[in-house]
Amino acid sequence: MNQTKTILITGVSSGFGQALAETALAAGHKVIGTVRQASAARAFETHASGNAYARQLDLTDTSAIANVVEDIETALGPVDVLVNNAGYGHEGILEESPTDEMRRQFEVNVFGAVEMIQALLPFFRKRRAGHIINITSMGGFITMPGIAYYCGSKFALEGISDTLSKELAPFNIHVTAVAPGSFRTDWAGRSMRRSPRQIADYDALFDPVRQARLEKSGQQLGDPEKAAEAMLEIIECDTPPAHLLLGSDALKLVRGRLSEMSQQMDTWESLTISTDG
């Protein structure tokens, strides 16, 4: 029987966070979830298992993160697993999207995750144990027109996760970047921020992409409950992977992208090595 763990998940009121919380609670784990609204916190703590605890936290409130994490460790910990799930998508052609939207995208998807990690690492290092799971995206490997800010944030979190896994290996602290494909969450629905269209030159390229994304929202191939089961499997694993793709679409698209990159490297190999002194 697997050991019961204390799992801290950011953003448990919807999407992957909600699915993972339910799955972990059903498996007997203790789950601490962060939410932005007091009403959501109260609702989460009514879970029938009696093992659900909530803390109200906005990840853009940098000054609050360390205090909340210290309170969790003192009152509810020690935390075994941190799951950085909270985040959202931004859709918009780059030329049409204000950079304030990019700053907000990175503030939540990247800075919030990093600050949660920094707040928990002293406790993990002291115990020489811990597991950090960062929910990234296949958009951290591949790109599509109209989600430059989102992909940029997920590329960043992938790179940070990979580097962090090397820094923390000596302390028996694992880091896994989980990159889902298209799943039936709120990502393309109410959780998506969309910049208004302004420049007609982009109509033919992007309008069909935006329309298709809206129409497919809620009908994607991926099942969030199955994603939660997969994440719980790596949480219970002694040697979890540094990277994990979720979904056959993610596997196909990322493999295709890696193949294209390899072919391009081969094509330009002579120019690449020509710069050696």
C-alpha atoms as a PDB file:
ATOM      1  CA  MET A   1       0.000   0.000   0.000  1.00  0.00           C
ATOM      2  CA  ASN A   2       1.353   3.408  -0.931  1.00  0.00           C
ATOM      3  CA  GLN A   3       2.255   5.877   1.792  1.00  0.00           C
ATOM      4  CA  THR A   4      -0.251   8.620   2.532  1.00  0.00           C
ATOM      5  CA  LYS A   5       1.085  12.012   1.464  1.00  0.00           C
ATOM      6  CA  THR A   6       0.258  15.648   2.101  1.00  0.00           C
ATOM      7  CA  ILE A   7      -0.228  17.316  -1.276  1.00  0.00           C
ATOM      8  CA  LEU A   8      -0.403  21.077  -1.797  1.00  0.00           C
ATOM      9  CA  ILE A   9      -2.194  22.000  -5.027  1.00  0.00           C
ATOM     10  CA  THR A  10      -2.610  25.542  -6.302  1.00  0.00           C
ATOM     11  CA  GLY A  11      -5.943  26.253  -7.958  1.00  0.00           C
ATOM     12  CA  VAL A  12      -8.254  23.415  -6.834  1.00  0.00           C
ATOM     13  CA  SER A  13     -11.566  24.985  -7.780  1.00  0.00           C
ATOM     14  CA  SER A  14     -11.529  23.809 -11.414  1.00  0.00           C
ATOM     15  CA  GLY A  15      -9.659  21.931 -14.137  1.00  0.00           C
ATOM     16  CA  PHE A  16      -6.703  19.688 -13.412  1.00  0.00           C
ATOM     17  CA  GLY A  17      -6.407  20.994  -9.861  1.00  0.00           C
ATOM     18  CA  GLN A  18      -9.953  19.982  -8.998  1.00  0.00           C
ATOM     19  CA  ALA A  19      -9.607  16.576 -10.682  1.00  0.00           C
ATOM     20  CA  LEU A  20      -6.295  15.842  -8.965  1.00  0.00           C
ATOM     21  CA  ALA A  21      -7.614  16.921  -5.580  1.00  0.00           C
ATOM     22  CA  GLU A  22     -10.626  14.595  -5.899  1.00  0.00           C
ATOM     23  CA  THR A  23      -8.469  11.676  -7.039  1.00  0.00           C
ATOM     24  CA  ALA A  24      -5.878  12.193  -4.295  1.00  0.00           C
ATOM     25  CA  LEU A  25      -8.543  12.503  -1.590  1.00  0.00           C
ATOM     26  CA  ALA A  26     -10.225   9.331  -2.815  1.00  0.00           C
ATOM     27  CA  ALA A  27      -6.855   7.563  -2.519  1.00  0.00           C
ATOM     28  CA  GLY A  28      -6.553   8.637   1.122  1.00  0.00           C
ATOM     29  CA  HIS A  29      -4.090  11.492   0.775  1.00  0.00           C
ATOM     30  CA  LYS A  30      -4.364  14.805   2.592  1.00  0.00           C
ATOM     31  CA  VAL A  31      -4.889  17.678   0.153  1.00  0.00           C
ATOM     32  CA  ILE A  32      -4.311  21.365   0.798  1.00  0.00           C
ATOM     33  CA  GLY A  33      -5.723  23.491  -1.977  1.00  0.00           C
ATOM     34  CA  THR A  34      -5.294  27.168  -2.718  1.00  0.00           C
ATOM     35  CA  VAL A  35      -8.215  29.164  -4.094  1.00  0.00           C
ATOM     36  CA  ARG A  36      -8.805  32.846  -4.727  1.00  0.00           C
ATOM     37  CA  GLN A  37     -12.256  33.161  -3.166  1.00  0.00           C
ATOM     38  CA  ALA A  38     -13.258  32.574   0.458  1.00  0.00           C
ATOM     39  CA  SER A  39     -16.438  30.833  -0.688  1.00  0.00           C
ATOM     40  CA  ALA A  40     -14.378  28.342  -2.699  1.00  0.00           C
ATOM     41  CA  ALA A  41     -12.202  27.666   0.334  1.00  0.00           C
ATOM     42  CA  ARG A  42     -15.238  26.900   2.472  1.00  0.00           C
ATOM     43  CA  ALA A  43     -16.687  24.642  -0.209  1.00  0.00           C
ATOM     44  CA  PHE A  44     -13.463  22.665  -0.592  1.00  0.00           C
ATOM     45  CA  GLU A  45     -13.178  22.018   3.133  1.00  0.00           C
ATOM     46  CA  THR A  46     -16.624  20.402   3.237  1.00  0.00           C
ATOM     47  CA  HIS A  47     -15.276  17.402   1.316  1.00  0.00           C
ATOM     48  CA  ALA A  48     -16.633  14.165   2.773  1.00  0.00           C
ATOM     49  CA  SER A  49     -13.154  12.706   3.271  1.00  0.00           C
ATOM     50  CA  GLY A  50     -12.316  15.163   6.033  1.00  0.00           C
ATOM     51  CA  ASN A  51      -8.838  15.452   4.512  1.00  0.00           C
ATOM     52  CA  ALA A  52      -9.398  18.585   2.418  1.00  0.00           C
ATOM     53  CA  TYR A  53      -7.942  21.866   3.644  1.00  0.00           C
ATOM     54  CA  ALA A  54      -7.972  25.208   1.888  1.00  0.00           C
ATOM     55  CA  ARG A  55      -6.050  28.450   1.944  1.00  0.00           C
ATOM     56  CA  GLN A  56      -7.121  31.605   0.155  1.00  0.00           C
ATOM     57  CA  LEU A  57      -4.298  32.867  -2.044  1.00  0.00           C
ATOM     58  CA  ASP A  58      -3.905  34.987  -5.148  1.00  0.00           C
ATOM     59  CA  LEU A  59      -0.631  34.016  -6.826  1.00  0.00           C
ATOM     60  CA  THR A  60      -0.112  37.587  -8.021  1.00  0.00           C
ATOM     61  CA  ASP A  61       0.116  38.668  -4.360  1.00  0.00           C
ATOM     62  CA  THR A  62       3.826  37.985  -3.958  1.00  0.00           C
ATOM     63  CA  SER A  63       4.027  39.176  -0.358  1.00  0.00           C
ATOM     64  CA  ALA A  64       1.351  36.700   0.746  1.00  0.00           C
ATOM     65  CA  ILE A  65       2.829  33.524  -0.734  1.00  0.00           C
ATOM     66  CA  ALA A  66       5.621  32.932   1.798  1.00  0.00           C
ATOM     67  CA  ASN A  67       3.295  33.595   4.729  1.00  0.00           C
ATOM     68  CA  VAL A  68       0.652  31.197   3.439  1.00  0.00           C
ATOM     69  CA  VAL A  69       3.213  28.449   2.795  1.00  0.00           C
ATOM     70  CA  GLU A  70       4.748  28.878   6.270  1.00  0.00           C
ATOM     71  CA  ASP A  71       1.280  28.685   7.807  1.00  0.00           C
ATOM     72  CA  ILE A  72       0.539  25.509   5.853  1.00  0.00           C
ATOM     73  CA  GLU A  73       3.803  23.877   6.952  1.00  0.00           C
ATOM     74  CA  THR A  74       3.193  24.836  10.581  1.00  0.00           C
ATOM     75  CA  ALA A  75      -0.502  24.048  10.841  1.00  0.00           C
ATOM     76  CA  LEU A  76      -1.048  21.284   8.264  1.00  0.00           C
ATOM     77  CA  GLY A  77       2.334  20.046   7.061  1.00  0.00           C
ATOM     78  CA  PRO A  78       4.840  18.759   6.454  1.00  0.00           C
ATOM     79  CA  VAL A  79       4.062  19.030   2.743  1.00  0.00           C
ATOM     80  CA  ASP A  80       5.303  16.121   0.643  1.00  0.00           C
ATOM     81  CA  VAL A  81       4.250  17.293  -2.821  1.00  0.00           C
ATOM     82  CA  LEU A  82       3.707  20.723  -4.365  1.00  0.00           C
ATOM     83  CA  VAL A  83       1.597  20.808  -7.516  1.00  0.00           C
ATOM     84  CA  ASN A  84       1.781  24.142  -9.323  1.00  0.00           C
ATOM     85  CA  ASN A  85      -1.474  23.913 -11.224  1.00  0.00           C
ATOM     86  CA  ALA A  86      -2.933  27.431 -11.061  1.00  0.00           C
ATOM     87  CA  GLY A  87      -2.728  29.244 -14.364  1.00  0.00           C
ATOM     88  CA  TYR A  88      -4.726  30.381 -17.339  1.00  0.00           C
ATOM     89  CA  GLY A  89      -4.507  30.824 -21.097  1.00  0.00           C
ATOM     90  CA  HIS A  90      -4.174  34.004 -23.111  1.00  0.00           C
ATOM     91  CA  GLU A  91      -5.201  34.065 -26.753  1.00  0.00           C
ATOM     92  CA  GLY A  92      -4.362  36.842 -29.161  1.00  0.00           C
ATOM     93  CA  ILE A  93      -2.181  37.734 -32.116  1.00  0.00           C
ATOM     94  CA  LEU A  94       1.055  39.148 -30.704  1.00  0.00           C
ATOM     95  CA  GLU A  95       0.806  42.455 -32.601  1.00  0.00           C
ATOM     96  CA  GLU A  96      -2.709  42.941 -31.236  1.00  0.00           C
ATOM     97  CA  SER A  97      -2.013  41.915 -27.636  1.00  0.00           C
ATOM     98  CA  PRO A  98      -0.947  44.546 -25.077  1.00  0.00           C
ATOM     99  CA  THR A  99       2.241  43.673 -23.221  1.00  0.00           C
ATOM    100  CA  ASP A 100       0.317  44.172 -19.966  1.00  0.00           C
ATOM    101  CA  GLU A 101      -1.453  40.921 -20.880  1.00  0.00           C
ATOM    102  CA  MET A 102       1.910  39.224 -21.273  1.00  0.00           C
ATOM    103  CA  ARG A 103       3.071  40.503 -17.885  1.00  0.00           C
ATOM    104  CA  ARG A 104      -0.074  39.162 -16.225  1.00  0.00           C
ATOM    105  CA  GLN A 105       0.307  35.830 -18.031  1.00  0.00           C
ATOM    106  CA  PHE A 106       3.847  35.406 -16.739  1.00  0.00           C
ATOM    107  CA  GLU A 107       2.928  36.729 -13.289  1.00  0.00           C
ATOM    108  CA  VAL A 108       0.486  33.866 -12.772  1.00  0.00           C
ATOM    109  CA  ASN A 109       1.904  31.038 -14.891  1.00  0.00           C
ATOM    110  CA  VAL A 110       5.599  31.558 -14.122  1.00  0.00           C
ATOM    111  CA  PHE A 111       6.313  33.923 -11.232  1.00  0.00           C
ATOM    112  CA  GLY A 112       3.533  32.534  -9.040  1.00  0.00           C
ATOM    113  CA  ALA A 113       4.800  28.989  -9.550  1.00  0.00           C
ATOM    114  CA  VAL A 114       8.419  29.949  -8.874  1.00  0.00           C
ATOM    115  CA  GLU A 115       7.510  31.867  -5.723  1.00  0.00           C
ATOM    116  CA  MET A 116       5.558  28.874  -4.401  1.00  0.00           C
ATOM    117  CA  ILE A 117       8.627  26.716  -5.038  1.00  0.00           C
ATOM    118  CA  GLN A 118      10.965  29.187  -3.340  1.00  0.00           C
ATOM    119  CA  ALA A 119       8.694  29.336  -0.290  1.00  0.00           C
ATOM    120  CA  LEU A 120       8.599  25.536   0.103  1.00  0.00           C
ATOM    121  CA  LEU A 121      12.190  24.651  -0.770  1.00  0.00           C
ATOM    122  CA  PRO A 122      13.696  25.435   2.657  1.00  0.00           C
ATOM    123  CA  PHE A 123      11.325  22.871   4.198  1.00  0.00           C
ATOM    124  CA  PHE A 124      11.999  20.301   1.467  1.00  0.00           C
ATOM    125  CA  ARG A 125      15.772  20.742   1.768  1.00  0.00           C
ATOM    126  CA  LYS A 126      15.664  20.408   5.552  1.00  0.00           C
ATOM    127  CA  ARG A 127      13.808  17.100   5.210  1.00  0.00           C
ATOM    128  CA  ARG A 128      15.873  16.016   2.173  1.00  0.00           C
ATOM    129  CA  ALA A 129      12.617  14.998   0.531  1.00  0.00           C
ATOM    130  CA  GLY A 130       9.892  16.450  -1.644  1.00  0.00           C
ATOM    131  CA  HIS A 131       8.329  16.408  -5.087  1.00  0.00           C
ATOM    132  CA  ILE A 132       7.467  19.450  -7.198  1.00  0.00           C
ATOM    133  CA  ILE A 133       5.051  19.008 -10.094  1.00  0.00           C
ATOM    134  CA  ASN A 134       4.696  21.935 -12.475  1.00  0.00           C
ATOM    135  CA  ILE A 135       1.737  21.746 -14.846  1.00  0.00           C
ATOM    136  CA  THR A 136       3.060  23.104 -18.125  1.00  0.00           C
ATOM    137  CA  SER A 137       1.533  22.277 -21.524  1.00  0.00           C
ATOM    138  CA  MET A 138       2.331  20.771 -24.887  1.00  0.00           C
ATOM    139  CA  GLY A 139       2.470  24.513 -25.642  1.00  0.00           C
ATOM    140  CA  GLY A 140       5.777  24.428 -23.789  1.00  0.00           C
ATOM    141  CA  PHE A 141       7.196  22.437 -26.712  1.00  0.00           C
ATOM    142  CA  ILE A 142       5.076  23.345 -29.740  1.00  0.00           C
ATOM    143  CA  THR A 143       3.513  26.631 -30.821  1.00  0.00           C
ATOM    144  CA  MET A 144       0.375  27.735 -32.627  1.00  0.00           C
ATOM    145  CA  PRO A 145      -0.670  31.135 -34.003  1.00  0.00           C
ATOM    146  CA  GLY A 146      -2.410  33.293 -31.431  1.00  0.00           C
ATOM    147  CA  ILE A 147      -1.058  31.939 -28.150  1.00  0.00           C
ATOM    148  CA  ALA A 148       2.439  33.451 -28.079  1.00  0.00           C
ATOM    149  CA  TYR A 149       2.156  34.734 -24.504  1.00  0.00           C
ATOM    150  CA  TYR A 150       0.794  31.441 -23.233  1.00  0.00           C
ATOM    151  CA  CYS A 151       3.391  29.333 -25.034  1.00  0.00           C
ATOM    152  CA  GLY A 152       6.109  31.697 -23.853  1.00  0.00           C
ATOM    153  CA  SER A 153       5.050  31.192 -20.242  1.00  0.00           C
ATOM    154  CA  LYS A 154       4.963  27.417 -20.605  1.00  0.00           C
ATOM    155  CA  PHE A 155       8.314  27.274 -22.419  1.00  0.00           C
ATOM    156  CA  ALA A 156       9.694  29.258 -19.487  1.00  0.00           C
ATOM    157  CA  LEU A 157       8.221  26.899 -16.887  1.00  0.00           C
ATOM    158  CA  GLU A 158       9.542  23.870 -18.777  1.00  0.00           C
ATOM    159  CA  GLY A 159      13.056  25.322 -18.784  1.00  0.00           C
ATOM    160  CA  ILE A 160      12.861  26.342 -15.138  1.00  0.00           C
ATOM    161  CA  SER A 161      11.603  22.873 -14.165  1.00  0.00           C
ATOM    162  CA  ASP A 162      14.392  21.109 -16.028  1.00  0.00           C
ATOM    163  CA  THR A 163      17.083  23.298 -14.493  1.00  0.00           C
ATOM    164  CA  LEU A 164      15.544  22.962 -11.033  1.00  0.00           C
ATOM    165  CA  SER A 165      15.532  19.167 -11.287  1.00  0.00           C
ATOM    166  CA  LYS A 166      19.315  19.265 -11.643  1.00  0.00           C
ATOM    167  CA  GLU A 167      19.769  21.725  -8.759  1.00  0.00           C
ATOM    168  CA  LEU A 168      17.627  19.681  -6.382  1.00  0.00           C
ATOM    169  CA  ALA A 169      18.773  16.160  -7.271  1.00  0.00           C
ATOM    170  CA  PRO A 170      21.443  16.119  -4.510  1.00  0.00           C
ATOM    171  CA  PHE A 171      18.719  16.732  -1.910  1.00  0.00           C
ATOM    172  CA  ASN A 172      16.411  13.881  -2.968  1.00  0.00           C
ATOM    173  CA  ILE A 173      13.859  16.414  -4.218  1.00  0.00           C
ATOM    174  CA  HIS A 174      12.165  15.459  -7.480  1.00  0.00           C
ATOM    175  CA  VAL A 175      10.814  17.857 -10.102  1.00  0.00           C
ATOM    176  CA  THR A 176       8.355  16.804 -12.813  1.00  0.00           C
ATOM    177  CA  ALA A 177       7.051  19.036 -15.585  1.00  0.00           C
ATOM    178  CA  VAL A 178       3.681  17.635 -16.664  1.00  0.00           C
ATOM    179  CA  ALA A 179       2.696  18.789 -20.153  1.00  0.00           C
ATOM    180  CA  PRO A 180      -0.938  18.061 -21.056  1.00  0.00           C
ATOM    181  CA  GLY A 181      -2.386  18.193 -24.527  1.00  0.00           C
ATOM    182  CA  SER A 182      -6.008  19.195 -25.131  1.00  0.00           C
ATOM    183  CA  PHE A 183      -8.244  18.267 -22.206  1.00  0.00           C
ATOM    184  CA  ARG A 184     -11.840  18.958 -21.267  1.00  0.00           C
ATOM    185  CA  THR A 185     -11.076  21.754 -18.791  1.00  0.00           C
ATOM    186  CA  ASP A 186     -12.035  25.432 -18.724  1.00  0.00           C
ATOM    187  CA  TRP A 187      -8.755  26.436 -20.425  1.00  0.00           C
ATOM    188  CA  ALA A 188     -10.359  27.388 -23.745  1.00  0.00           C
ATOM    189  CA  GLY A 189     -13.593  28.531 -22.126  1.00  0.00           C
ATOM    190  CA  ARG A 190     -14.154  30.853 -19.187  1.00  0.00           C
ATOM    191  CA  SER A 191     -10.508  30.654 -18.073  1.00  0.00           C
ATOM    192  CA  MET A 192      -9.186  32.043 -21.368  1.00  0.00           C
ATOM    193  CA  ARG A 193      -8.400  35.748 -21.736  1.00  0.00           C
ATOM    194  CA  ARG A 194      -8.755  36.916 -25.326  1.00  0.00           C
ATOM    195  CA  SER A 195      -7.343  40.086 -26.850  1.00  0.00           C
ATOM    196  CA  PRO A 196      -9.760  41.823 -29.248  1.00  0.00           C
ATOM    197  CA  ARG A 197      -9.145  41.536 -32.986  1.00  0.00           C
ATOM    198  CA  GLN A 198      -8.008  44.745 -34.705  1.00  0.00           C
ATOM    199  CA  ILE A 199      -5.771  44.074 -37.720  1.00  0.00           C
ATOM    200  CA  ALA A 200      -7.483  42.685 -40.824  1.00  0.00           C
ATOM    201  CA  ASP A 201      -4.246  41.260 -42.221  1.00  0.00           C
ATOM    202  CA  TYR A 202      -4.475  38.446 -39.656  1.00  0.00           C
ATOM    203  CA  ASP A 203      -8.124  37.529 -40.312  1.00  0.00           C
ATOM    204  CA  ALA A 204      -7.468  34.638 -42.708  1.00  0.00           C
ATOM    205  CA  LEU A 205      -4.805  33.101 -40.477  1.00  0.00           C
ATOM    206  CA  PHE A 206      -6.321  33.487 -37.058  1.00  0.00           C
ATOM    207  CA  ASP A 207     -10.102  33.838 -37.163  1.00  0.00           C
ATOM    208  CA  PRO A 208     -10.613  30.154 -38.079  1.00  0.00           C
ATOM    209  CA  VAL A 209      -8.230  29.136 -35.257  1.00  0.00           C
ATOM    210  CA  ARG A 210     -10.137  31.173 -32.679  1.00  0.00           C
ATOM    211  CA  GLN A 211     -13.493  29.876 -33.899  1.00  0.00           C
ATOM    212  CA  ALA A 212     -12.364  26.246 -33.874  1.00  0.00           C
ATOM    213  CA  ARG A 213     -10.988  26.582 -30.352  1.00  0.00           C
ATOM    214  CA  LEU A 214     -14.268  27.999 -29.097  1.00  0.00           C
ATOM    215  CA  GLU A 215     -16.289  25.257 -30.797  1.00  0.00           C
ATOM    216  CA  LYS A 216     -14.103  22.436 -29.438  1.00  0.00           C
ATOM    217  CA  SER A 217     -14.079  23.734 -25.854  1.00  0.00           C
ATOM    218  CA  GLY A 218     -15.469  21.002 -23.617  1.00  0.00           C
ATOM    219  CA  GLN A 219     -15.173  18.356 -26.334  1.00  0.00           C
ATOM    220  CA  GLN A 220     -11.421  17.805 -26.315  1.00  0.00           C
ATOM    221  CA  LEU A 221      -9.961  14.297 -26.380  1.00  0.00           C
ATOM    222  CA  GLY A 222      -8.363  14.397 -22.932  1.00  0.00           C
ATOM    223  CA  ASP A 223     -10.192  13.317 -19.767  1.00  0.00           C
ATOM    224  CA  PRO A 224      -9.125  15.381 -16.691  1.00  0.00           C
ATOM    225  CA  GLU A 225      -9.887  12.457 -14.349  1.00  0.00           C
ATOM    226  CA  LYS A 226      -7.513  10.198 -16.271  1.00  0.00           C
ATOM    227  CA  ALA A 227      -4.896  12.957 -16.193  1.00  0.00           C
ATOM    228  CA  ALA A 228      -5.340  13.107 -12.416  1.00  0.00           C
ATOM    229  CA  GLU A 229      -4.836   9.341 -12.164  1.00  0.00           C
ATOM    230  CA  ALA A 230      -1.623   9.640 -14.192  1.00  0.00           C
ATOM    231  CA  MET A 231      -0.328  12.444 -11.967  1.00  0.00           C
ATOM    232  CA  LEU A 232      -1.174  10.468  -8.836  1.00  0.00           C
ATOM    233  CA  GLU A 233       0.836   7.569 -10.243  1.00  0.00           C
ATOM    234  CA  ILE A 234       3.964   9.707 -10.530  1.00  0.00           C
ATOM    235  CA  ILE A 235       3.306  11.225  -7.092  1.00  0.00           C
ATOM    236  CA  GLU A 236       3.367   7.697  -5.665  1.00  0.00           C
ATOM    237  CA  CYS A 237       6.472   6.744  -7.680  1.00  0.00           C
ATOM    238  CA  ASP A 238       9.906   6.643  -6.034  1.00  0.00           C
ATOM    239  CA  THR A 239      11.626   7.642  -9.292  1.00  0.00           C
ATOM    240  CA  PRO A 240       9.254  10.043 -11.074  1.00  0.00           C
ATOM    241  CA  PRO A 241      10.096  11.366 -14.549  1.00  0.00           C
ATOM    242  CA  ALA A 242      11.484  14.855 -15.089  1.00  0.00           C
ATOM    243  CA  HIS A 243       9.027  15.372 -17.976  1.00  0.00           C
ATOM    244  CA  LEU A 244       5.681  13.733 -18.667  1.00  0.00           C
ATOM    245  CA  LEU A 245       3.408  14.368 -21.643  1.00  0.00           C
ATOM    246  CA  LEU A 246      -0.304  13.682 -21.164  1.00  0.00           C
ATOM    247  CA  GLY A 247      -2.512  12.836 -24.129  1.00  0.00           C
ATOM    248  CA  SER A 248      -1.979  11.178 -27.500  1.00  0.00           C
ATOM    249  CA  ASP A 249      -2.250  14.570 -29.219  1.00  0.00           C
ATOM    250  CA  ALA A 250       0.587  15.955 -27.109  1.00  0.00           C
ATOM    251  CA  LEU A 251       2.711  12.904 -27.882  1.00  0.00           C
ATOM    252  CA  LYS A 252       2.109  13.167 -31.628  1.00  0.00           C
ATOM    253  CA  LEU A 253       2.624  16.920 -31.877  1.00  0.00           C
ATOM    254  CA  VAL A 254       5.726  17.059 -29.670  1.00  0.00           C
ATOM    255  CA  ARG A 255       7.318  14.113 -31.464  1.00  0.00           C
ATOM    256  CA  GLY A 256       6.629  15.885 -34.745  1.00  0.00           C
ATOM    257  CA  ARG A 257       8.181  19.091 -33.478  1.00  0.00           C
ATOM    258  CA  LEU A 258      11.313  17.301 -32.241  1.00  0.00           C
ATOM    259  CA  SER A 259      11.639  15.548 -35.603  1.00  0.00           C
ATOM    260  CA  GLU A 260      11.350  18.872 -37.455  1.00  0.00           C
ATOM    261  CA  MET A 261      14.006  20.403 -35.217  1.00  0.00           C
ATOM    262  CA  SER A 262      16.335  17.464 -35.822  1.00  0.00           C
ATOM    263  CA  GLN A 263      15.879  17.742 -39.582  1.00  0.00           C
ATOM    264  CA  GLN A 264      16.535  21.476 -39.493  1.00  0.00           C
ATOM    265  CA  MET A 265      19.701  20.943 -37.454  1.00  0.00           C
ATOM    266  CA  ASP A 266      20.900  18.448 -40.065  1.00  0.00           C
ATOM    267  CA  THR A 267      20.080  20.845 -42.923  1.00  0.00           C
ATOM    268  CA  TRP A 268      22.039  23.699 -41.344  1.00  0.00           C
ATOM    269  CA  GLU A 269      24.782  21.645 -39.691  1.00  0.00           C
ATOM    270  CA  SER A 270      27.591  22.994 -41.875  1.00  0.00           C
ATOM    271  CA  LEU A 271      26.689  26.603 -41.091  1.00  0.00           C
ATOM    272  CA  THR A 272      26.301  25.767 -37.405  1.00  0.00           C
ATOM    273  CA  ILE A 273      29.783  24.319 -37.050  1.00  0.00           C
ATOM    274  CA  SER A 274      31.360  26.960 -39.282  1.00  0.00           C
ATOM    275  CA  THR A 275      31.508  29.374 -36.325  1.00  0.00           C
ATOM    276  CA  ASP A 276      34.023  27.296 -34.369  1.00  0.00           C
ATOM    277  CA  GLY A 277      37.402  29.014 -34.058  1.00  0.00           C
END
